[in-house]
Amino acid sequence: MISSTDHEHMKRVRERVSQMDAIIASTATNIKLPLHDIMRLGRQAKQSLSTAKRVFWLRKMSAAAENVASANAACRRGCSHCCHIDVMVSRPEAAQIARETGQQMMEPLAAQSLQEVARTQAEGIQPRYTGEPCPFLEDGECSIYDSRPLACRVHFNMDVDDLLCRLIEGCNISVPYLDVTLLRAISLEVIGLNAEYADIRDWFGANRLPGS
């Protein structure tokens, strides 16, 4: 049952959605992703021979988009709504995160191929971890920020605030995220179409070292 507070929240959501075309049109005029830099850094990632170097250059590529998008995004330090949704991470990236953070990487029970991830999303299957915090979330902030997954680095709400990000059980609210189709395509090509994917909680949840 939705509480009176949630009813009021959903009323505000409906009002915001009715204004969304104008909001997106305004934001779009301020967002011009640096395509030249993105392609250049993507090529550098493709040419790299080690996982560490590939992830390094993909992070640089993500930062090029972040530098432009962040000033116009609703995302702010201490806002952790997106740390309570599913975060898919490839095996090579999970291994790099483990090396950098000293965390023990688990063997996930639910590792999926890229095709399986896409099919699950297309079928609208309920995400497994919605509402559950990321194992690296501490006091509302990411404790591995410098090593955070690529998915987190390009996840931007381009609305005026975090209203549409707030999770309400039983309600599926569409958030105007930054269009990072190009960055995802390059990342998939660099990481490899045959890589396995799992949620960050499946890679690290139970084995996360206390205080790190």
N, C-alpha and C. Protein backbone atom coordinates (compact mmCIF):
# COMPACT_ATOMS: atom_id res chain seq x y z
N MET A 1 0.84 -1.20 0.00
CA MET A 1 0.00 0.00 0.00
C MET A 1 0.88 1.25 0.00
N ILE A 2 0.54 2.22 -0.84
CA ILE A 2 1.31 3.46 -0.93
C ILE A 2 0.83 4.42 0.15
N SER A 3 1.77 4.96 0.91
CA SER A 3 1.43 5.87 2.01
C SER A 3 1.00 7.22 1.47
N SER A 4 0.44 8.06 2.38
CA SER A 4 0.03 9.41 1.97
C SER A 4 1.22 10.22 1.50
N THR A 5 2.38 9.97 2.13
CA THR A 5 3.60 10.66 1.70
C THR A 5 3.98 10.26 0.29
N ASP A 6 3.86 8.95 0.00
CA ASP A 6 4.18 8.48 -1.34
C ASP A 6 3.17 8.99 -2.37
N HIS A 7 1.89 9.10 -1.95
CA HIS A 7 0.87 9.65 -2.85
C HIS A 7 1.24 11.08 -3.24
N GLU A 8 1.68 11.85 -2.27
CA GLU A 8 2.08 13.24 -2.54
C GLU A 8 3.30 13.27 -3.45
N HIS A 9 4.22 12.33 -3.20
CA HIS A 9 5.41 12.24 -4.04
C HIS A 9 5.03 11.93 -5.48
N MET A 10 4.12 10.96 -5.67
CA MET A 10 3.70 10.59 -7.02
C MET A 10 2.96 11.72 -7.72
N LYS A 11 2.27 12.55 -6.95
CA LYS A 11 1.61 13.72 -7.53
C LYS A 11 2.66 14.67 -8.11
N ARG A 12 3.73 14.87 -7.36
CA ARG A 12 4.82 15.72 -7.83
C ARG A 12 5.51 15.09 -9.05
N VAL A 13 5.64 13.76 -9.02
CA VAL A 13 6.25 13.06 -10.16
C VAL A 13 5.43 13.28 -11.42
N ARG A 14 4.11 13.15 -11.32
CA ARG A 14 3.24 13.34 -12.49
C ARG A 14 3.35 14.77 -13.03
N GLU A 15 3.44 15.73 -12.13
CA GLU A 15 3.59 17.12 -12.55
C GLU A 15 4.92 17.31 -13.28
N ARG A 16 5.97 16.68 -12.74
CA ARG A 16 7.29 16.80 -13.36
C ARG A 16 7.31 16.15 -14.74
N VAL A 17 6.72 14.97 -14.84
CA VAL A 17 6.69 14.25 -16.12
C VAL A 17 5.99 15.08 -17.19
N SER A 18 4.93 15.81 -16.79
CA SER A 18 4.21 16.65 -17.75
C SER A 18 5.08 17.78 -18.27
N GLN A 19 6.14 18.13 -17.53
CA GLN A 19 7.04 19.21 -17.93
C GLN A 19 8.31 18.69 -18.59
N MET A 20 8.42 17.35 -18.70
CA MET A 20 9.70 16.75 -19.05
C MET A 20 10.21 17.16 -20.42
N ASP A 21 9.35 17.27 -21.40
CA ASP A 21 9.81 17.64 -22.74
C ASP A 21 10.53 18.98 -22.71
N ALA A 22 9.98 19.94 -21.98
CA ALA A 22 10.60 21.25 -21.89
C ALA A 22 11.92 21.18 -21.13
N ILE A 23 11.96 20.37 -20.07
CA ILE A 23 13.18 20.24 -19.28
C ILE A 23 14.30 19.62 -20.11
N ILE A 24 13.96 18.54 -20.82
CA ILE A 24 14.96 17.86 -21.65
C ILE A 24 15.44 18.76 -22.77
N ALA A 25 14.53 19.50 -23.38
CA ALA A 25 14.91 20.42 -24.45
C ALA A 25 15.88 21.47 -23.93
N SER A 26 15.64 21.96 -22.73
CA SER A 26 16.53 22.96 -22.14
C SER A 26 17.89 22.36 -21.82
N THR A 27 17.89 21.17 -21.25
CA THR A 27 19.15 20.52 -20.89
C THR A 27 19.97 20.17 -22.12
N ALA A 28 19.30 19.69 -23.16
CA ALA A 28 19.99 19.25 -24.36
C ALA A 28 20.82 20.37 -24.99
N THR A 29 20.38 21.60 -24.81
CA THR A 29 21.12 22.71 -25.40
C THR A 29 22.45 22.93 -24.67
N ASN A 30 22.54 22.43 -23.43
CA ASN A 30 23.76 22.61 -22.65
C ASN A 30 24.70 21.40 -22.70
N ILE A 31 24.22 20.29 -23.27
CA ILE A 31 25.02 19.06 -23.31
C ILE A 31 25.52 18.80 -24.72
N LYS A 32 26.81 18.95 -24.87
CA LYS A 32 27.45 18.61 -26.14
C LYS A 32 28.63 17.74 -25.80
N LEU A 33 28.41 16.42 -25.84
CA LEU A 33 29.47 15.50 -25.48
C LEU A 33 30.66 15.65 -26.43
N PRO A 34 31.87 15.57 -25.89
CA PRO A 34 33.08 15.73 -26.71
C PRO A 34 33.35 14.47 -27.53
N LEU A 35 32.68 14.36 -28.66
CA LEU A 35 32.75 13.14 -29.45
C LEU A 35 34.17 12.82 -29.92
N HIS A 36 34.92 13.86 -30.28
CA HIS A 36 36.29 13.63 -30.73
C HIS A 36 37.11 12.98 -29.63
N ASP A 37 37.02 13.51 -28.41
CA ASP A 37 37.77 12.95 -27.28
C ASP A 37 37.28 11.55 -26.93
N ILE A 38 35.97 11.35 -26.97
CA ILE A 38 35.41 10.03 -26.66
C ILE A 38 35.93 8.98 -27.64
N MET A 39 35.93 9.30 -28.92
CA MET A 39 36.40 8.35 -29.92
C MET A 39 37.91 8.11 -29.78
N ARG A 40 38.65 9.18 -29.50
CA ARG A 40 40.11 9.05 -29.36
C ARG A 40 40.46 8.16 -28.18
N LEU A 41 39.81 8.39 -27.04
CA LEU A 41 40.09 7.61 -25.84
C LEU A 41 39.58 6.18 -26.01
N GLY A 42 38.48 6.03 -26.73
CA GLY A 42 37.97 4.69 -27.02
C GLY A 42 38.96 3.89 -27.85
N ARG A 43 39.56 4.54 -28.85
CA ARG A 43 40.57 3.85 -29.68
C ARG A 43 41.78 3.45 -28.83
N GLN A 44 42.16 4.33 -27.90
CA GLN A 44 43.28 4.02 -27.02
C GLN A 44 42.98 2.79 -26.18
N ALA A 45 41.74 2.71 -25.71
CA ALA A 45 41.32 1.55 -24.90
C ALA A 45 41.37 0.27 -25.74
N LYS A 46 40.89 0.35 -26.98
CA LYS A 46 40.88 -0.83 -27.86
C LYS A 46 42.29 -1.34 -28.15
N GLN A 47 43.25 -0.41 -28.22
CA GLN A 47 44.61 -0.78 -28.56
C GLN A 47 45.41 -1.30 -27.37
N SER A 48 44.87 -1.15 -26.17
CA SER A 48 45.57 -1.57 -24.96
C SER A 48 45.57 -3.08 -24.84
N LEU A 49 46.67 -3.64 -24.36
CA LEU A 49 46.83 -5.09 -24.31
C LEU A 49 46.40 -5.71 -22.99
N SER A 50 46.36 -4.92 -21.91
CA SER A 50 46.03 -5.48 -20.60
C SER A 50 44.66 -4.98 -20.14
N THR A 51 44.02 -5.76 -19.26
CA THR A 51 42.73 -5.35 -18.71
C THR A 51 42.85 -4.03 -17.97
N ALA A 52 43.91 -3.89 -17.19
CA ALA A 52 44.11 -2.67 -16.41
C ALA A 52 44.16 -1.44 -17.32
N LYS A 53 44.88 -1.53 -18.43
CA LYS A 53 44.99 -0.40 -19.35
C LYS A 53 43.68 -0.14 -20.07
N ARG A 54 42.99 -1.21 -20.44
CA ARG A 54 41.70 -1.02 -21.12
C ARG A 54 40.71 -0.30 -20.20
N VAL A 55 40.64 -0.75 -18.95
CA VAL A 55 39.73 -0.11 -17.99
C VAL A 55 40.18 1.33 -17.73
N PHE A 56 41.48 1.56 -17.65
CA PHE A 56 42.02 2.91 -17.42
C PHE A 56 41.53 3.87 -18.50
N TRP A 57 41.66 3.47 -19.77
CA TRP A 57 41.27 4.37 -20.86
C TRP A 57 39.76 4.50 -20.98
N LEU A 58 39.02 3.46 -20.64
CA LEU A 58 37.55 3.58 -20.63
C LEU A 58 37.11 4.55 -19.54
N ARG A 59 37.80 4.55 -18.42
CA ARG A 59 37.49 5.52 -17.37
C ARG A 59 37.80 6.93 -17.84
N LYS A 60 38.90 7.11 -18.57
CA LYS A 60 39.23 8.42 -19.12
C LYS A 60 38.14 8.87 -20.10
N MET A 61 37.66 7.93 -20.91
CA MET A 61 36.60 8.24 -21.85
C MET A 61 35.33 8.66 -21.11
N SER A 62 34.99 7.94 -20.05
CA SER A 62 33.81 8.29 -19.25
C SER A 62 33.97 9.66 -18.62
N ALA A 63 35.19 9.98 -18.18
CA ALA A 63 35.44 11.27 -17.55
C ALA A 63 35.23 12.41 -18.53
N ALA A 64 35.53 12.18 -19.80
CA ALA A 64 35.33 13.22 -20.82
C ALA A 64 33.85 13.58 -20.92
N ALA A 65 32.98 12.56 -20.82
CA ALA A 65 31.54 12.82 -20.83
C ALA A 65 31.09 13.43 -19.50
N GLU A 66 31.63 12.92 -18.42
CA GLU A 66 31.26 13.41 -17.09
C GLU A 66 31.58 14.89 -16.93
N ASN A 67 32.72 15.32 -17.44
CA ASN A 67 33.13 16.71 -17.30
C ASN A 67 32.13 17.67 -17.93
N VAL A 68 31.45 17.22 -18.98
CA VAL A 68 30.46 18.04 -19.66
C VAL A 68 29.09 17.92 -19.00
N ALA A 69 28.72 16.69 -18.63
CA ALA A 69 27.36 16.43 -18.15
C ALA A 69 27.12 16.85 -16.70
N SER A 70 28.14 16.73 -15.86
CA SER A 70 27.93 16.89 -14.42
C SER A 70 27.38 18.25 -14.02
N ALA A 71 27.78 19.30 -14.72
CA ALA A 71 27.32 20.64 -14.36
C ALA A 71 25.83 20.82 -14.60
N ASN A 72 25.25 20.02 -15.50
CA ASN A 72 23.83 20.15 -15.84
C ASN A 72 22.98 19.02 -15.28
N ALA A 73 23.59 18.12 -14.52
CA ALA A 73 22.88 16.96 -13.99
C ALA A 73 22.32 17.25 -12.60
N ALA A 74 21.34 16.44 -12.22
CA ALA A 74 20.76 16.55 -10.88
C ALA A 74 21.62 15.86 -9.83
N CYS A 75 22.57 15.04 -10.27
CA CYS A 75 23.40 14.25 -9.37
C CYS A 75 24.32 15.15 -8.54
N ARG A 76 24.33 14.88 -7.24
CA ARG A 76 25.16 15.66 -6.31
C ARG A 76 25.82 14.72 -5.31
N ARG A 77 26.90 15.16 -4.71
CA ARG A 77 27.58 14.36 -3.67
C ARG A 77 26.61 14.09 -2.52
N GLY A 78 26.57 12.85 -2.09
CA GLY A 78 25.67 12.47 -1.01
C GLY A 78 24.33 11.94 -1.49
N CYS A 79 24.05 12.10 -2.79
CA CYS A 79 22.83 11.55 -3.37
C CYS A 79 23.13 10.10 -3.75
N SER A 80 22.40 9.15 -3.17
CA SER A 80 22.77 7.74 -3.35
C SER A 80 21.62 6.87 -3.85
N HIS A 81 20.63 7.48 -4.49
CA HIS A 81 19.50 6.69 -5.00
C HIS A 81 19.99 5.61 -5.96
N CYS A 82 20.93 5.96 -6.85
CA CYS A 82 21.39 5.00 -7.85
C CYS A 82 22.30 3.94 -7.25
N CYS A 83 22.65 4.08 -5.97
CA CYS A 83 23.42 3.05 -5.28
C CYS A 83 22.50 1.99 -4.69
N HIS A 84 21.20 2.11 -4.99
CA HIS A 84 20.21 1.15 -4.51
C HIS A 84 19.48 0.49 -5.68
N ILE A 85 20.10 0.50 -6.84
CA ILE A 85 19.54 -0.19 -8.01
C ILE A 85 20.59 -1.17 -8.54
N ASP A 86 20.18 -2.04 -9.46
CA ASP A 86 21.12 -3.01 -10.01
C ASP A 86 22.25 -2.31 -10.76
N VAL A 87 23.47 -2.81 -10.58
CA VAL A 87 24.65 -2.26 -11.26
C VAL A 87 25.40 -3.43 -11.90
N MET A 88 25.26 -3.58 -13.21
CA MET A 88 25.90 -4.68 -13.91
C MET A 88 27.36 -4.35 -14.19
N VAL A 89 28.24 -5.31 -13.84
CA VAL A 89 29.69 -5.14 -13.99
C VAL A 89 30.24 -6.37 -14.70
N SER A 90 31.11 -6.14 -15.68
CA SER A 90 31.71 -7.26 -16.39
C SER A 90 32.79 -7.91 -15.54
N ARG A 91 33.10 -9.17 -15.87
CA ARG A 91 34.14 -9.88 -15.13
C ARG A 91 35.49 -9.16 -15.19
N PRO A 92 35.97 -8.71 -16.37
CA PRO A 92 37.26 -8.02 -16.39
C PRO A 92 37.28 -6.76 -15.51
N GLU A 93 36.19 -6.02 -15.51
CA GLU A 93 36.17 -4.81 -14.68
C GLU A 93 36.10 -5.16 -13.21
N ALA A 94 35.33 -6.20 -12.85
CA ALA A 94 35.26 -6.63 -11.46
C ALA A 94 36.64 -7.05 -10.97
N ALA A 95 37.40 -7.74 -11.82
CA ALA A 95 38.75 -8.16 -11.45
C ALA A 95 39.65 -6.95 -11.21
N GLN A 96 39.49 -5.92 -12.04
CA GLN A 96 40.29 -4.71 -11.85
C GLN A 96 39.91 -3.98 -10.56
N ILE A 97 38.62 -3.92 -10.27
CA ILE A 97 38.17 -3.30 -9.01
C ILE A 97 38.74 -4.06 -7.82
N ALA A 98 38.76 -5.39 -7.89
CA ALA A 98 39.31 -6.22 -6.82
C ALA A 98 40.79 -5.92 -6.61
N ARG A 99 41.54 -5.80 -7.71
CA ARG A 99 42.97 -5.50 -7.61
C ARG A 99 43.21 -4.15 -6.97
N GLU A 100 42.42 -3.17 -7.34
CA GLU A 100 42.64 -1.81 -6.84
C GLU A 100 42.19 -1.62 -5.40
N THR A 101 41.16 -2.33 -4.98
CA THR A 101 40.58 -2.11 -3.65
C THR A 101 41.00 -3.14 -2.62
N GLY A 102 41.57 -4.26 -3.07
CA GLY A 102 41.95 -5.31 -2.15
C GLY A 102 40.78 -6.18 -1.71
N GLN A 103 39.63 -5.97 -2.35
CA GLN A 103 38.46 -6.77 -2.02
C GLN A 103 38.53 -8.13 -2.69
N GLN A 104 38.02 -9.16 -1.99
CA GLN A 104 37.99 -10.50 -2.57
C GLN A 104 36.82 -10.60 -3.54
N MET A 105 37.12 -11.02 -4.74
CA MET A 105 36.10 -11.14 -5.77
C MET A 105 35.45 -12.53 -5.70
N MET A 106 34.13 -12.57 -5.62
CA MET A 106 33.41 -13.83 -5.54
C MET A 106 33.12 -14.37 -6.94
N GLU A 107 32.78 -15.64 -7.00
CA GLU A 107 32.29 -16.25 -8.23
C GLU A 107 30.77 -16.19 -8.19
N PRO A 108 30.16 -15.31 -8.99
CA PRO A 108 28.71 -15.12 -8.90
C PRO A 108 27.92 -16.31 -9.40
N LEU A 109 26.78 -16.55 -8.77
CA LEU A 109 25.90 -17.62 -9.19
C LEU A 109 25.09 -17.22 -10.42
N ALA A 110 24.94 -15.90 -10.61
CA ALA A 110 24.04 -15.41 -11.65
C ALA A 110 24.77 -14.66 -12.76
N ALA A 111 26.00 -15.07 -13.09
CA ALA A 111 26.72 -14.41 -14.19
C ALA A 111 25.98 -14.63 -15.50
N GLN A 112 25.91 -13.58 -16.32
CA GLN A 112 25.16 -13.64 -17.57
C GLN A 112 26.00 -13.15 -18.73
N SER A 113 25.68 -13.61 -19.91
CA SER A 113 26.28 -13.06 -21.11
C SER A 113 25.59 -11.74 -21.43
N LEU A 114 26.19 -10.98 -22.32
CA LEU A 114 25.60 -9.71 -22.74
C LEU A 114 24.21 -9.93 -23.33
N GLN A 115 24.07 -10.99 -24.10
CA GLN A 115 22.78 -11.28 -24.72
C GLN A 115 21.72 -11.60 -23.66
N GLU A 116 22.12 -12.31 -22.62
CA GLU A 116 21.18 -12.65 -21.55
C GLU A 116 20.77 -11.41 -20.77
N VAL A 117 21.71 -10.50 -20.53
CA VAL A 117 21.39 -9.24 -19.85
C VAL A 117 20.39 -8.44 -20.67
N ALA A 118 20.64 -8.34 -21.98
CA ALA A 118 19.75 -7.58 -22.86
C ALA A 118 18.36 -8.21 -22.90
N ARG A 119 18.30 -9.55 -22.95
CA ARG A 119 17.00 -10.22 -22.99
C ARG A 119 16.22 -9.99 -21.69
N THR A 120 16.91 -10.06 -20.57
CA THR A 120 16.26 -9.82 -19.28
C THR A 120 15.67 -8.42 -19.22
N GLN A 121 16.43 -7.43 -19.70
CA GLN A 121 15.95 -6.05 -19.69
C GLN A 121 14.78 -5.87 -20.65
N ALA A 122 14.87 -6.50 -21.83
CA ALA A 122 13.81 -6.36 -22.83
C ALA A 122 12.51 -6.98 -22.35
N GLU A 123 12.61 -8.04 -21.57
CA GLU A 123 11.41 -8.72 -21.07
C GLU A 123 10.82 -8.04 -19.85
N GLY A 124 11.50 -6.98 -19.38
CA GLY A 124 10.98 -6.22 -18.25
C GLY A 124 11.00 -6.98 -16.94
N ILE A 125 11.93 -7.94 -16.81
CA ILE A 125 12.04 -8.71 -15.57
C ILE A 125 12.50 -7.79 -14.44
N GLN A 126 11.86 -7.89 -13.29
CA GLN A 126 12.16 -7.02 -12.16
C GLN A 126 13.63 -7.15 -11.74
N PRO A 127 14.36 -6.05 -11.66
CA PRO A 127 15.75 -6.11 -11.20
C PRO A 127 15.83 -6.77 -9.82
N ARG A 128 16.90 -7.53 -9.60
CA ARG A 128 17.01 -8.32 -8.37
C ARG A 128 17.31 -7.48 -7.14
N TYR A 129 18.03 -6.37 -7.33
CA TYR A 129 18.57 -5.67 -6.16
C TYR A 129 17.99 -4.28 -5.94
N THR A 130 16.90 -3.95 -6.59
CA THR A 130 16.29 -2.64 -6.39
C THR A 130 15.96 -2.43 -4.91
N GLY A 131 16.46 -1.34 -4.34
CA GLY A 131 16.22 -1.04 -2.94
C GLY A 131 17.32 -1.53 -2.01
N GLU A 132 18.21 -2.38 -2.53
CA GLU A 132 19.30 -2.92 -1.70
C GLU A 132 20.58 -2.11 -1.95
N PRO A 133 21.24 -1.64 -0.89
CA PRO A 133 22.42 -0.78 -1.10
C PRO A 133 23.59 -1.53 -1.71
N CYS A 134 24.38 -0.81 -2.48
CA CYS A 134 25.64 -1.34 -2.99
C CYS A 134 26.54 -1.68 -1.80
N PRO A 135 27.31 -2.76 -1.87
CA PRO A 135 28.18 -3.12 -0.75
C PRO A 135 29.25 -2.08 -0.45
N PHE A 136 29.50 -1.18 -1.39
CA PHE A 136 30.53 -0.16 -1.18
C PHE A 136 29.95 1.18 -0.75
N LEU A 137 28.66 1.23 -0.48
CA LEU A 137 28.04 2.48 -0.04
C LEU A 137 28.25 2.65 1.46
N GLU A 138 28.86 3.76 1.86
CA GLU A 138 29.12 4.04 3.27
C GLU A 138 28.72 5.48 3.57
N ASP A 139 27.82 5.63 4.55
CA ASP A 139 27.36 6.96 4.96
C ASP A 139 26.88 7.78 3.77
N GLY A 140 26.19 7.13 2.86
CA GLY A 140 25.61 7.82 1.72
C GLY A 140 26.58 8.14 0.60
N GLU A 141 27.82 7.64 0.68
CA GLU A 141 28.81 7.93 -0.35
C GLU A 141 29.53 6.66 -0.78
N CYS A 142 30.07 6.68 -2.00
CA CYS A 142 30.81 5.54 -2.54
C CYS A 142 32.19 5.46 -1.89
N SER A 143 32.50 4.31 -1.30
CA SER A 143 33.79 4.15 -0.61
C SER A 143 34.90 3.72 -1.57
N ILE A 144 34.56 3.44 -2.83
CA ILE A 144 35.58 3.09 -3.83
C ILE A 144 35.43 4.01 -5.03
N TYR A 145 35.19 5.28 -4.77
CA TYR A 145 34.82 6.21 -5.84
C TYR A 145 35.82 6.20 -7.00
N ASP A 146 37.11 6.20 -6.72
CA ASP A 146 38.10 6.22 -7.79
C ASP A 146 38.10 4.93 -8.61
N SER A 147 37.57 3.85 -8.02
CA SER A 147 37.53 2.55 -8.70
C SER A 147 36.11 2.14 -9.07
N ARG A 148 35.16 3.05 -8.96
CA ARG A 148 33.76 2.71 -9.19
C ARG A 148 33.55 2.18 -10.61
N PRO A 149 32.52 1.36 -10.81
CA PRO A 149 32.28 0.76 -12.13
C PRO A 149 32.00 1.78 -13.22
N LEU A 150 32.25 1.39 -14.44
CA LEU A 150 31.97 2.26 -15.59
C LEU A 150 30.50 2.64 -15.65
N ALA A 151 29.62 1.70 -15.28
CA ALA A 151 28.18 1.99 -15.30
C ALA A 151 27.84 3.17 -14.41
N CYS A 152 28.55 3.31 -13.30
CA CYS A 152 28.28 4.42 -12.38
C CYS A 152 28.85 5.74 -12.90
N ARG A 153 29.92 5.66 -13.65
CA ARG A 153 30.61 6.86 -14.12
C ARG A 153 29.82 7.63 -15.18
N VAL A 154 28.92 6.97 -15.87
CA VAL A 154 28.17 7.64 -16.94
C VAL A 154 26.67 7.65 -16.65
N HIS A 155 26.31 7.49 -15.39
CA HIS A 155 24.91 7.42 -14.98
C HIS A 155 24.50 8.80 -14.45
N PHE A 156 23.84 9.60 -15.29
CA PHE A 156 23.49 10.97 -14.91
C PHE A 156 22.01 11.22 -15.14
N ASN A 157 21.34 11.74 -14.12
CA ASN A 157 19.96 12.19 -14.23
C ASN A 157 19.99 13.63 -14.71
N MET A 158 19.44 13.89 -15.89
CA MET A 158 19.52 15.23 -16.47
C MET A 158 18.31 16.10 -16.12
N ASP A 159 17.59 15.74 -15.06
CA ASP A 159 16.48 16.54 -14.56
C ASP A 159 17.03 17.68 -13.70
N VAL A 160 16.13 18.47 -13.12
CA VAL A 160 16.56 19.62 -12.30
C VAL A 160 16.89 19.22 -10.87
N ASP A 161 16.38 18.05 -10.42
CA ASP A 161 16.69 17.55 -9.08
C ASP A 161 16.51 16.04 -9.05
N ASP A 162 16.55 15.45 -7.85
CA ASP A 162 16.51 13.99 -7.74
C ASP A 162 15.10 13.43 -7.55
N LEU A 163 14.08 14.21 -7.81
CA LEU A 163 12.70 13.78 -7.57
C LEU A 163 12.39 12.43 -8.21
N LEU A 164 12.74 12.26 -9.47
CA LEU A 164 12.38 11.05 -10.19
C LEU A 164 13.27 9.86 -9.85
N CYS A 165 14.36 10.11 -9.14
CA CYS A 165 15.27 9.02 -8.75
C CYS A 165 14.79 8.28 -7.50
N ARG A 166 13.96 8.93 -6.71
CA ARG A 166 13.57 8.35 -5.42
C ARG A 166 12.73 7.11 -5.62
N LEU A 167 13.15 6.03 -4.99
CA LEU A 167 12.51 4.74 -5.18
C LEU A 167 11.23 4.62 -4.37
N ILE A 168 10.15 4.29 -5.06
CA ILE A 168 8.86 4.02 -4.42
C ILE A 168 8.46 2.59 -4.78
N GLU A 169 8.29 1.75 -3.78
CA GLU A 169 7.98 0.35 -4.04
C GLU A 169 6.71 0.22 -4.88
N GLY A 170 6.82 -0.58 -5.93
CA GLY A 170 5.67 -0.82 -6.80
C GLY A 170 5.48 0.22 -7.88
N CYS A 171 6.33 1.24 -7.92
CA CYS A 171 6.19 2.30 -8.92
C CYS A 171 7.43 2.33 -9.82
N ASN A 172 7.21 2.30 -11.10
CA ASN A 172 8.30 2.35 -12.07
C ASN A 172 8.32 3.73 -12.70
N ILE A 173 9.27 4.55 -12.30
CA ILE A 173 9.34 5.94 -12.74
C ILE A 173 10.48 6.09 -13.75
N SER A 174 10.18 6.68 -14.89
CA SER A 174 11.18 6.88 -15.94
C SER A 174 12.02 8.12 -15.63
N VAL A 175 13.32 7.93 -15.60
CA VAL A 175 14.25 9.02 -15.29
C VAL A 175 14.96 9.46 -16.57
N PRO A 176 15.07 10.76 -16.82
CA PRO A 176 15.74 11.24 -18.04
C PRO A 176 17.27 11.17 -17.93
N TYR A 177 17.80 9.96 -18.10
CA TYR A 177 19.23 9.78 -17.99
C TYR A 177 19.96 10.32 -19.21
N LEU A 178 21.21 10.67 -19.02
CA LEU A 178 22.07 11.10 -20.12
C LEU A 178 22.20 9.97 -21.15
N ASP A 179 22.09 10.30 -22.41
CA ASP A 179 22.22 9.30 -23.47
C ASP A 179 23.70 8.97 -23.66
N VAL A 180 24.09 7.79 -23.21
CA VAL A 180 25.49 7.37 -23.32
C VAL A 180 25.60 6.10 -24.18
N THR A 181 24.73 6.01 -25.18
CA THR A 181 24.73 4.84 -26.06
C THR A 181 26.09 4.62 -26.69
N LEU A 182 26.73 5.70 -27.15
CA LEU A 182 28.03 5.58 -27.79
C LEU A 182 29.08 5.05 -26.82
N LEU A 183 29.10 5.59 -25.60
CA LEU A 183 30.08 5.15 -24.62
C LEU A 183 29.89 3.68 -24.27
N ARG A 184 28.63 3.27 -24.15
CA ARG A 184 28.36 1.86 -23.84
C ARG A 184 28.80 0.96 -24.97
N ALA A 185 28.56 1.38 -26.20
CA ALA A 185 28.94 0.57 -27.36
C ALA A 185 30.46 0.39 -27.41
N ILE A 186 31.19 1.47 -27.17
CA ILE A 186 32.65 1.39 -27.17
C ILE A 186 33.13 0.50 -26.03
N SER A 187 32.54 0.67 -24.85
CA SER A 187 32.93 -0.13 -23.69
C SER A 187 32.71 -1.61 -23.94
N LEU A 188 31.57 -1.95 -24.54
CA LEU A 188 31.27 -3.35 -24.83
C LEU A 188 32.27 -3.94 -25.81
N GLU A 189 32.65 -3.14 -26.81
CA GLU A 189 33.62 -3.62 -27.80
C GLU A 189 34.98 -3.84 -27.16
N VAL A 190 35.37 -2.94 -26.25
CA VAL A 190 36.68 -3.03 -25.60
C VAL A 190 36.71 -4.19 -24.60
N ILE A 191 35.67 -4.30 -23.78
CA ILE A 191 35.62 -5.35 -22.76
C ILE A 191 35.45 -6.72 -23.42
N GLY A 192 34.71 -6.75 -24.51
CA GLY A 192 34.49 -8.01 -25.22
C GLY A 192 33.05 -8.45 -25.14
N LEU A 193 32.47 -8.80 -26.28
CA LEU A 193 31.07 -9.18 -26.33
C LEU A 193 30.80 -10.51 -25.63
N ASN A 194 31.85 -11.28 -25.38
CA ASN A 194 31.67 -12.58 -24.73
C ASN A 194 31.92 -12.53 -23.23
N ALA A 195 32.17 -11.35 -22.69
CA ALA A 195 32.44 -11.23 -21.25
C ALA A 195 31.19 -11.57 -20.45
N GLU A 196 31.41 -12.04 -19.23
CA GLU A 196 30.31 -12.33 -18.32
C GLU A 196 30.00 -11.09 -17.48
N TYR A 197 28.72 -10.93 -17.17
CA TYR A 197 28.27 -9.79 -16.37
C TYR A 197 27.49 -10.28 -15.16
N ALA A 198 27.62 -9.54 -14.06
CA ALA A 198 26.83 -9.81 -12.86
C ALA A 198 26.72 -8.52 -12.08
N ASP A 199 25.78 -8.47 -11.16
CA ASP A 199 25.63 -7.28 -10.34
C ASP A 199 26.82 -7.14 -9.41
N ILE A 200 27.15 -5.91 -9.06
CA ILE A 200 28.31 -5.66 -8.18
C ILE A 200 28.16 -6.38 -6.84
N ARG A 201 26.93 -6.61 -6.41
CA ARG A 201 26.70 -7.32 -5.15
C ARG A 201 27.04 -8.79 -5.29
N ASP A 202 26.87 -9.33 -6.50
CA ASP A 202 27.23 -10.73 -6.74
C ASP A 202 28.74 -10.93 -6.79
N TRP A 203 29.44 -9.90 -7.27
CA TRP A 203 30.91 -10.00 -7.32
C TRP A 203 31.55 -9.80 -5.95
N PHE A 204 30.97 -8.90 -5.12
CA PHE A 204 31.66 -8.48 -3.90
C PHE A 204 30.85 -8.54 -2.60
N GLY A 205 29.52 -8.62 -2.69
CA GLY A 205 28.70 -8.44 -1.50
C GLY A 205 29.12 -9.15 -0.23
N ALA A 206 29.18 -10.48 -0.24
CA ALA A 206 29.41 -11.24 0.99
C ALA A 206 30.86 -11.20 1.45
N ASN A 207 31.78 -10.91 0.53
CA ASN A 207 33.21 -10.97 0.87
C ASN A 207 33.85 -9.60 1.08
N ARG A 208 33.03 -8.57 1.15
CA ARG A 208 33.60 -7.24 1.31
C ARG A 208 34.28 -7.12 2.66
N LEU A 209 35.50 -6.61 2.67
CA LEU A 209 36.26 -6.45 3.91
C LEU A 209 35.72 -5.29 4.72
N PRO A 210 35.51 -5.46 6.03
CA PRO A 210 34.98 -4.37 6.86
C PRO A 210 35.89 -3.14 6.82
N GLY A 211 35.27 -1.96 6.75
CA GLY A 211 36.02 -0.71 6.82
C GLY A 211 36.83 -0.38 5.59
N SER A 212 36.51 -1.02 4.46
CA SER A 212 37.27 -0.71 3.24
C SER A 212 36.36 -0.74 2.02
